[in-house]
N, C-alpha and C. Protein backbone atom coordinates (compact mmCIF):
# COMPACT_ATOMS: atom_id res chain seq x y z
N MET A 1 -19.91 10.47 13.28
CA MET A 1 -19.75 10.83 11.95
C MET A 1 -19.15 9.26 11.23
N GLU A 2 -19.86 9.04 10.25
CA GLU A 2 -19.28 8.22 9.64
C GLU A 2 -17.71 8.31 8.77
N PHE A 3 -17.45 6.90 8.66
CA PHE A 3 -15.58 6.71 7.95
C PHE A 3 -15.64 7.75 6.76
N GLU A 4 -16.75 8.09 5.94
CA GLU A 4 -16.23 8.05 4.71
C GLU A 4 -16.13 10.13 4.67
N GLU A 5 -16.68 10.42 5.83
CA GLU A 5 -16.24 11.78 5.98
C GLU A 5 -15.12 12.13 6.74
N LEU A 6 -14.86 11.12 7.56
CA LEU A 6 -13.24 11.44 8.29
C LEU A 6 -12.11 11.15 7.01
N TYR A 7 -12.18 9.99 6.36
CA TYR A 7 -11.65 10.02 5.28
C TYR A 7 -11.53 11.04 4.65
N LYS A 8 -12.69 12.04 4.20
CA LYS A 8 -12.65 12.97 3.27
C LYS A 8 -11.56 13.87 3.79
N ILE A 9 -12.18 14.25 5.06
CA ILE A 9 -11.09 14.73 5.97
C ILE A 9 -9.59 14.76 5.89
N ALA A 10 -8.95 13.37 6.07
CA ALA A 10 -8.13 12.89 6.11
C ALA A 10 -7.56 13.43 4.55
N LYS A 11 -8.01 12.70 3.92
CA LYS A 11 -7.77 13.08 2.41
C LYS A 11 -7.23 15.36 1.79
N GLU A 12 -8.32 15.48 2.22
CA GLU A 12 -8.00 16.81 2.19
C GLU A 12 -6.82 17.90 2.96
N THR A 13 -6.12 16.83 3.62
CA THR A 13 -5.45 17.14 4.81
C THR A 13 -4.04 16.77 4.07
N LEU A 14 -3.83 16.13 3.33
CA LEU A 14 -3.18 15.69 2.21
C LEU A 14 -2.29 17.08 1.62
N ASN A 15 -0.81 16.91 1.64
CA ASN A 15 -0.37 18.37 1.70
C ASN A 15 1.03 18.08 1.27
N PRO A 16 1.72 17.10 0.33
CA PRO A 16 2.85 17.31 -0.13
C PRO A 16 3.71 18.45 -0.19
N TRP A 17 4.96 18.84 0.37
CA TRP A 17 5.84 19.69 -0.27
C TRP A 17 7.46 18.93 0.49
N GLU A 18 8.37 19.72 -0.31
CA GLU A 18 9.59 19.48 0.06
C GLU A 18 9.91 20.43 1.37
N LEU A 19 10.57 20.05 2.44
CA LEU A 19 10.87 21.18 3.17
C LEU A 19 12.75 21.57 2.98
N THR A 20 13.21 20.44 2.91
CA THR A 20 14.39 20.68 1.95
C THR A 20 14.97 19.50 1.48
N GLU A 21 15.80 19.73 0.55
CA GLU A 21 16.29 18.77 -0.57
C GLU A 21 16.10 17.13 0.17
N ASP A 22 16.06 16.80 1.29
CA ASP A 22 15.74 15.46 1.66
C ASP A 22 14.75 15.45 2.64
N THR A 23 14.41 16.41 3.09
CA THR A 23 13.04 16.30 4.18
C THR A 23 11.46 16.38 3.33
N TYR A 24 11.00 15.88 3.25
CA TYR A 24 9.54 15.81 3.05
C TYR A 24 8.48 16.07 3.81
N SER A 25 7.20 16.62 3.67
CA SER A 25 6.02 16.59 4.78
C SER A 25 4.80 16.11 3.66
N GLY A 26 3.74 15.82 4.54
CA GLY A 26 2.34 16.04 4.01
C GLY A 26 2.51 14.57 3.07
N LYS A 27 3.08 13.94 2.76
CA LYS A 27 2.92 12.63 1.58
C LYS A 27 1.62 11.74 2.54
N VAL A 28 1.16 12.04 3.58
CA VAL A 28 0.67 11.30 4.57
C VAL A 28 -0.15 12.23 5.21
N ALA A 29 -1.70 12.03 5.58
CA ALA A 29 -2.17 12.48 6.63
C ALA A 29 -3.26 11.64 7.47
N ALA A 30 -3.63 11.65 8.51
CA ALA A 30 -4.59 10.85 9.50
C ALA A 30 -5.57 12.02 10.16
N ALA A 31 -6.39 11.37 10.19
CA ALA A 31 -7.82 12.00 10.91
C ALA A 31 -8.47 11.23 11.19
N LEU A 32 -8.36 11.34 12.95
CA LEU A 32 -9.17 10.83 13.96
C LEU A 32 -10.21 11.17 14.57
N LEU A 33 -11.27 10.58 15.05
CA LEU A 33 -12.17 10.99 15.97
C LEU A 33 -12.19 10.51 17.55
N THR A 34 -12.52 11.56 18.37
CA THR A 34 -12.36 10.86 19.43
C THR A 34 -13.65 10.74 19.96
N ASP A 35 -13.93 9.76 21.54
CA ASP A 35 -15.36 9.96 22.04
C ASP A 35 -16.28 10.93 22.37
N LYS A 36 -15.53 12.06 22.59
CA LYS A 36 -16.07 13.24 22.52
C LYS A 36 -16.65 13.62 21.05
N GLY A 37 -16.50 13.13 20.23
CA GLY A 37 -17.03 13.69 19.03
C GLY A 37 -15.72 14.76 18.26
N ASN A 38 -14.66 15.18 18.88
CA ASN A 38 -14.26 15.93 18.07
C ASN A 38 -12.56 15.32 16.74
N VAL A 39 -12.81 16.31 16.12
CA VAL A 39 -11.95 15.61 15.05
C VAL A 39 -10.37 16.20 15.29
N TYR A 40 -9.21 15.39 15.11
CA TYR A 40 -7.70 16.06 15.18
C TYR A 40 -6.83 15.24 13.80
N LYS A 41 -6.41 16.06 13.09
CA LYS A 41 -5.74 15.46 11.72
C LYS A 41 -4.36 15.94 12.11
N GLY A 42 -3.03 15.57 11.19
CA GLY A 42 -2.18 15.63 11.05
C GLY A 42 -1.20 14.94 9.97
N VAL A 43 -0.17 15.66 9.75
CA VAL A 43 0.91 14.78 8.61
C VAL A 43 1.58 14.40 8.81
N ASN A 44 2.63 13.73 8.30
CA ASN A 44 3.82 13.23 8.29
C ASN A 44 5.04 14.03 7.87
N ILE A 45 6.20 13.75 8.69
CA ILE A 45 7.51 14.22 8.39
C ILE A 45 8.37 13.50 7.87
N ASP A 46 9.17 13.21 6.82
CA ASP A 46 10.09 12.38 6.19
C ASP A 46 11.76 12.77 6.10
N ALA A 47 12.22 12.53 7.55
CA ALA A 47 13.49 12.62 7.55
C ALA A 47 14.73 11.87 6.91
N PRO A 48 15.80 12.22 6.29
CA PRO A 48 16.38 11.18 6.09
C PRO A 48 17.21 10.10 7.42
N CYS A 49 17.14 10.46 8.12
CA CYS A 49 17.95 9.85 9.53
C CYS A 49 16.83 9.38 10.36
N SER A 50 15.85 9.07 9.95
CA SER A 50 14.80 8.61 10.71
C SER A 50 14.08 9.20 11.66
N ILE A 51 14.60 10.48 11.89
CA ILE A 51 13.76 11.41 13.04
C ILE A 51 12.31 12.01 12.87
N GLY A 52 11.65 11.53 11.49
CA GLY A 52 10.38 12.48 11.38
C GLY A 52 9.41 11.67 11.85
N PHE A 53 8.49 11.53 11.60
CA PHE A 53 7.11 10.99 12.36
C PHE A 53 5.73 10.69 11.43
N CYS A 54 5.25 9.87 12.28
CA CYS A 54 4.15 9.61 10.95
C CYS A 54 3.01 10.49 11.48
N ALA A 55 1.75 10.62 10.26
CA ALA A 55 0.63 11.51 10.23
C ALA A 55 -0.35 11.29 11.65
N GLU A 56 -0.24 9.92 11.59
CA GLU A 56 -0.75 9.73 13.08
C GLU A 56 -0.85 10.18 14.57
N HIS A 57 0.93 9.95 14.55
CA HIS A 57 1.42 11.10 15.46
C HIS A 57 1.17 12.55 15.88
N ALA A 58 1.52 12.90 14.62
CA ALA A 58 0.84 14.32 14.38
C ALA A 58 -0.52 14.60 14.92
N ALA A 59 -2.03 13.81 14.34
CA ALA A 59 -3.18 14.09 14.88
C ALA A 59 -3.13 14.08 16.43
N ILE A 60 -2.18 12.48 16.84
CA ILE A 60 -2.49 12.49 17.79
C ILE A 60 -1.88 13.30 19.02
N ALA A 61 -0.70 14.27 18.83
CA ALA A 61 -0.25 15.41 19.52
C ALA A 61 -1.12 16.35 19.44
N ALA A 62 -1.86 16.75 18.50
CA ALA A 62 -2.93 17.72 18.09
C ALA A 62 -4.11 16.96 19.40
N MET A 63 -4.52 16.18 19.69
CA MET A 63 -5.99 15.27 20.67
C MET A 63 -5.10 15.54 21.98
N ILE A 64 -3.81 14.93 22.06
CA ILE A 64 -3.36 15.08 23.58
C ILE A 64 -3.44 16.52 23.91
N THR A 65 -2.64 17.80 23.05
CA THR A 65 -2.99 19.15 22.92
C THR A 65 -4.37 19.50 24.09
N ALA A 66 -5.17 18.87 23.29
CA ALA A 66 -6.48 19.04 23.80
C ALA A 66 -7.16 18.38 25.23
N LYS A 67 -6.00 17.75 26.23
CA LYS A 67 -6.81 16.64 26.70
C LYS A 67 -7.80 15.93 26.37
N GLU A 68 -7.32 15.17 25.61
CA GLU A 68 -8.19 13.88 24.96
C GLU A 68 -7.23 12.92 24.19
N SER A 69 -7.87 11.51 24.85
CA SER A 69 -7.16 10.35 24.47
C SER A 69 -7.81 9.30 24.16
N ARG A 70 -8.86 9.36 24.00
CA ARG A 70 -9.39 8.09 23.59
C ARG A 70 -10.28 8.32 21.93
N ILE A 71 -9.46 7.40 20.96
CA ILE A 71 -9.77 7.40 19.69
C ILE A 71 -11.17 6.05 19.78
N THR A 72 -11.71 6.58 19.02
CA THR A 72 -12.67 5.92 18.39
C THR A 72 -12.84 5.30 16.87
N LYS A 73 -12.37 6.02 16.39
CA LYS A 73 -12.14 5.85 14.67
C LYS A 73 -11.05 6.47 14.11
N ILE A 74 -10.10 5.79 13.27
CA ILE A 74 -9.11 6.66 12.63
C ILE A 74 -8.49 6.33 11.60
N VAL A 75 -7.92 6.78 10.31
CA VAL A 75 -8.07 7.03 8.78
C VAL A 75 -6.85 7.24 8.68
N SER A 76 -5.92 6.89 7.75
CA SER A 76 -4.87 7.16 7.20
C SER A 76 -4.82 7.34 5.87
N VAL A 77 -4.29 8.26 5.37
CA VAL A 77 -3.82 8.13 3.36
C VAL A 77 -2.81 8.51 3.01
N SER A 78 -2.29 7.79 1.81
CA SER A 78 -1.11 8.24 1.33
C SER A 78 -1.31 8.65 -0.06
N ALA A 79 -0.75 9.53 -0.30
CA ALA A 79 -0.95 11.02 -1.69
C ALA A 79 -0.75 9.86 -2.63
N LYS A 80 -0.02 8.63 -2.38
CA LYS A 80 0.48 8.05 -3.66
C LYS A 80 -0.32 6.26 -3.54
N HIS A 81 -0.68 5.83 -2.59
CA HIS A 81 -1.41 4.94 -2.42
C HIS A 81 -2.82 4.85 -1.91
N GLY A 82 -3.71 5.66 -1.10
CA GLY A 82 -4.56 5.96 -0.75
C GLY A 82 -4.67 5.79 0.31
N ILE A 83 -5.46 4.90 1.08
CA ILE A 83 -5.74 4.26 1.94
C ILE A 83 -4.50 3.50 2.95
N ILE A 84 -4.47 3.64 4.21
CA ILE A 84 -2.95 2.81 4.29
C ILE A 84 -3.18 2.65 5.70
N PRO A 85 -2.80 1.24 6.26
CA PRO A 85 -2.73 0.62 7.62
C PRO A 85 -2.14 1.62 8.45
N PRO A 86 -2.42 1.88 9.87
CA PRO A 86 -1.14 2.63 10.66
C PRO A 86 0.25 1.31 10.81
N CYS A 87 1.17 1.98 10.79
CA CYS A 87 2.68 1.23 10.83
C CYS A 87 2.42 0.47 12.36
N GLY A 88 3.08 -0.71 12.51
CA GLY A 88 3.24 -0.76 13.99
C GLY A 88 3.72 -0.22 15.09
N ARG A 89 4.34 0.55 14.59
CA ARG A 89 4.79 1.73 15.97
C ARG A 89 3.50 2.66 16.05
N CYS A 90 2.92 2.95 15.16
CA CYS A 90 1.83 3.80 15.36
C CYS A 90 0.43 3.12 16.17
N ARG A 91 0.38 1.73 15.46
CA ARG A 91 -0.58 0.51 16.08
C ARG A 91 -0.45 0.51 17.69
N GLU A 92 1.12 0.27 18.13
CA GLU A 92 1.23 0.27 20.05
C GLU A 92 1.14 1.85 20.29
N PHE A 93 1.45 3.25 19.90
CA PHE A 93 1.48 4.05 20.37
C PHE A 93 -0.05 4.51 20.21
N ILE A 94 -0.96 3.84 19.68
CA ILE A 94 -2.55 4.45 19.65
C ILE A 94 -3.13 3.65 21.07
N TYR A 95 -2.60 2.19 21.20
CA TYR A 95 -3.13 1.34 21.99
C TYR A 95 -2.61 2.10 23.92
N GLN A 96 -0.84 2.50 23.48
CA GLN A 96 -0.45 2.86 24.76
C GLN A 96 -0.84 4.50 25.11
N ILE A 97 -1.29 5.00 24.47
CA ILE A 97 -2.22 6.64 25.12
C ILE A 97 -3.33 6.36 25.82
N ASN A 98 -4.03 5.53 25.69
CA ASN A 98 -5.57 4.81 26.45
C ASN A 98 -5.65 3.20 26.11
N TYR A 99 -5.79 2.51 26.82
CA TYR A 99 -5.50 1.36 26.48
C TYR A 99 -6.86 0.95 25.63
N GLU A 100 -8.04 1.97 26.38
CA GLU A 100 -9.42 1.39 25.45
C GLU A 100 -9.30 1.92 24.23
N ASN A 101 -8.53 2.30 23.59
CA ASN A 101 -8.20 2.74 22.32
C ASN A 101 -7.65 1.18 21.63
N ILE A 102 -7.77 0.41 22.42
CA ILE A 102 -7.98 -1.04 21.47
C ILE A 102 -8.81 -1.25 20.89
N ASN A 103 -9.99 -0.59 20.95
CA ASN A 103 -11.46 -0.82 20.43
C ASN A 103 -11.67 -0.18 19.53
N CYS A 104 -10.62 0.84 19.50
CA CYS A 104 -10.97 1.94 17.94
C CYS A 104 -10.97 1.30 16.44
N GLU A 105 -11.89 1.64 15.84
CA GLU A 105 -11.96 1.42 14.76
C GLU A 105 -11.07 1.99 13.83
N VAL A 106 -10.27 0.90 12.76
CA VAL A 106 -9.48 1.58 11.56
C VAL A 106 -9.98 1.61 10.66
N MET A 107 -9.67 2.38 9.59
CA MET A 107 -10.22 2.33 8.66
C MET A 107 -9.50 1.40 7.27
N LEU A 108 -9.44 0.74 6.53
CA LEU A 108 -8.28 -0.16 5.79
C LEU A 108 -9.29 -0.37 4.06
N ALA A 109 -8.41 -0.25 3.15
CA ALA A 109 -8.73 -0.21 2.05
C ALA A 109 -10.05 -0.68 1.38
N ASP A 110 -10.21 -2.03 2.48
CA ASP A 110 -11.34 -2.89 1.83
C ASP A 110 -11.72 -2.76 3.08
N ARG A 111 -12.21 -2.40 4.35
CA ARG A 111 -12.68 -2.84 5.61
C ARG A 111 -12.43 -2.01 6.68
N ILE A 112 -13.40 -2.38 7.69
CA ILE A 112 -13.10 -1.58 9.08
C ILE A 112 -12.86 -2.68 9.86
N VAL A 113 -11.61 -2.16 10.80
CA VAL A 113 -10.94 -3.49 11.64
C VAL A 113 -11.32 -2.69 12.91
N THR A 114 -10.87 -3.56 13.84
CA THR A 114 -10.59 -2.91 15.36
C THR A 114 -9.07 -2.73 15.58
N LEU A 115 -8.48 -1.62 16.19
CA LEU A 115 -7.08 -1.83 16.51
C LEU A 115 -6.79 -3.43 17.14
N ASN A 116 -7.44 -4.07 17.68
CA ASN A 116 -7.16 -5.14 18.47
C ASN A 116 -6.66 -6.00 17.41
N GLN A 117 -7.71 -6.30 16.38
CA GLN A 117 -7.76 -6.97 14.95
C GLN A 117 -6.03 -7.09 14.13
N LEU A 118 -5.55 -5.56 14.82
CA LEU A 118 -4.27 -5.29 13.90
C LEU A 118 -3.35 -5.55 14.94
N LEU A 119 -3.35 -5.47 16.21
CA LEU A 119 -2.56 -5.57 17.09
C LEU A 119 -2.91 -6.13 18.17
N PRO A 120 -2.63 -8.02 17.70
CA PRO A 120 -3.26 -8.69 18.38
C PRO A 120 -2.15 -9.22 20.13
N ASP A 121 -0.95 -9.09 19.54
CA ASP A 121 -0.02 -8.91 20.66
C ASP A 121 0.87 -7.99 20.87
N ARG A 122 0.21 -7.24 22.11
CA ARG A 122 0.74 -5.95 22.44
C ARG A 122 1.84 -6.06 23.56
N TRP A 123 3.02 -4.70 23.35
CA TRP A 123 4.05 -4.94 23.96
C TRP A 123 3.68 -5.21 25.30
N LYS A 124 2.77 -4.76 25.81
CA LYS A 124 2.76 -4.81 27.49
C LYS A 124 1.48 -5.97 27.80
């Protein structure tokens, strides 16, 4: 699967809505491709006390539920800003669920990079 198709899936997954007057979901969506060719997607949840989670975490949780952990490509899209890179927490999480994910490709707004390029100094 090419990144353009994965990007389209992520963009179609965007679904911003207000859960409560303080909590929102769907402003960011992520889609990832596994080494088995499966696509998993997710959206973020923003809560005022920082207990929400990123769209990448939601997509990864769906992947883990299906007993997969190897990501080959990932893209994240913001309803407001377009394609965005995974945050530092997500970068480390992607790596820690399968160390081979250090070689997964990440779509940025202007280029494709590897997770290794975004996370040169890993926690472990």
